[in-house]
Amino acid sequence: MRKLTRLGYVRRGGYVLPENVPFQELLPLKLRNQVSAKGSTKGGAACIQEMSVLFACLKKNDFKDNLCSQEITKFYNCYQSYEEAKRAQNEREKRGELSPGEKRLSHAQANLLIKKYPLKS
């Protein structure tokens, strides 16, 4: 029996070495000139901490709003600041401004960078 020096994968009971697998290029291996907006749905929860404190207060006081007014105002203030930040972020993305240190780019920002620095063919 022959000893294999490299691991291959099993195909119909035999070993095929990786260098024996032919590569077929179905599409050209280059980037496109634009990025689609398919996966740019933004989700996520805001003000979870404030909401949990509010629910704990409501449960403690048998769901009477007047006893938890401080927690309610904190939750509303948190949500308003979240909405303002989200609105400002959407405006920046529409204008195509790039924020330094931002980890994720929107499709509009990525398209702006691709237009600014086109690929050399």
Foldseek 3Di string as FASTA:
>chain_A
DDDDPDAADDDPRDGDHPVNDDDDDPDDPDDDLFDDQPPVDDDDDWPPVLVVVQVVQCVVVVNDCVRRVVSVVVSVVRVVVVVVVVVVVVVCLVVLHDDPPDDDHGRSVVSVVCVVPPDDD
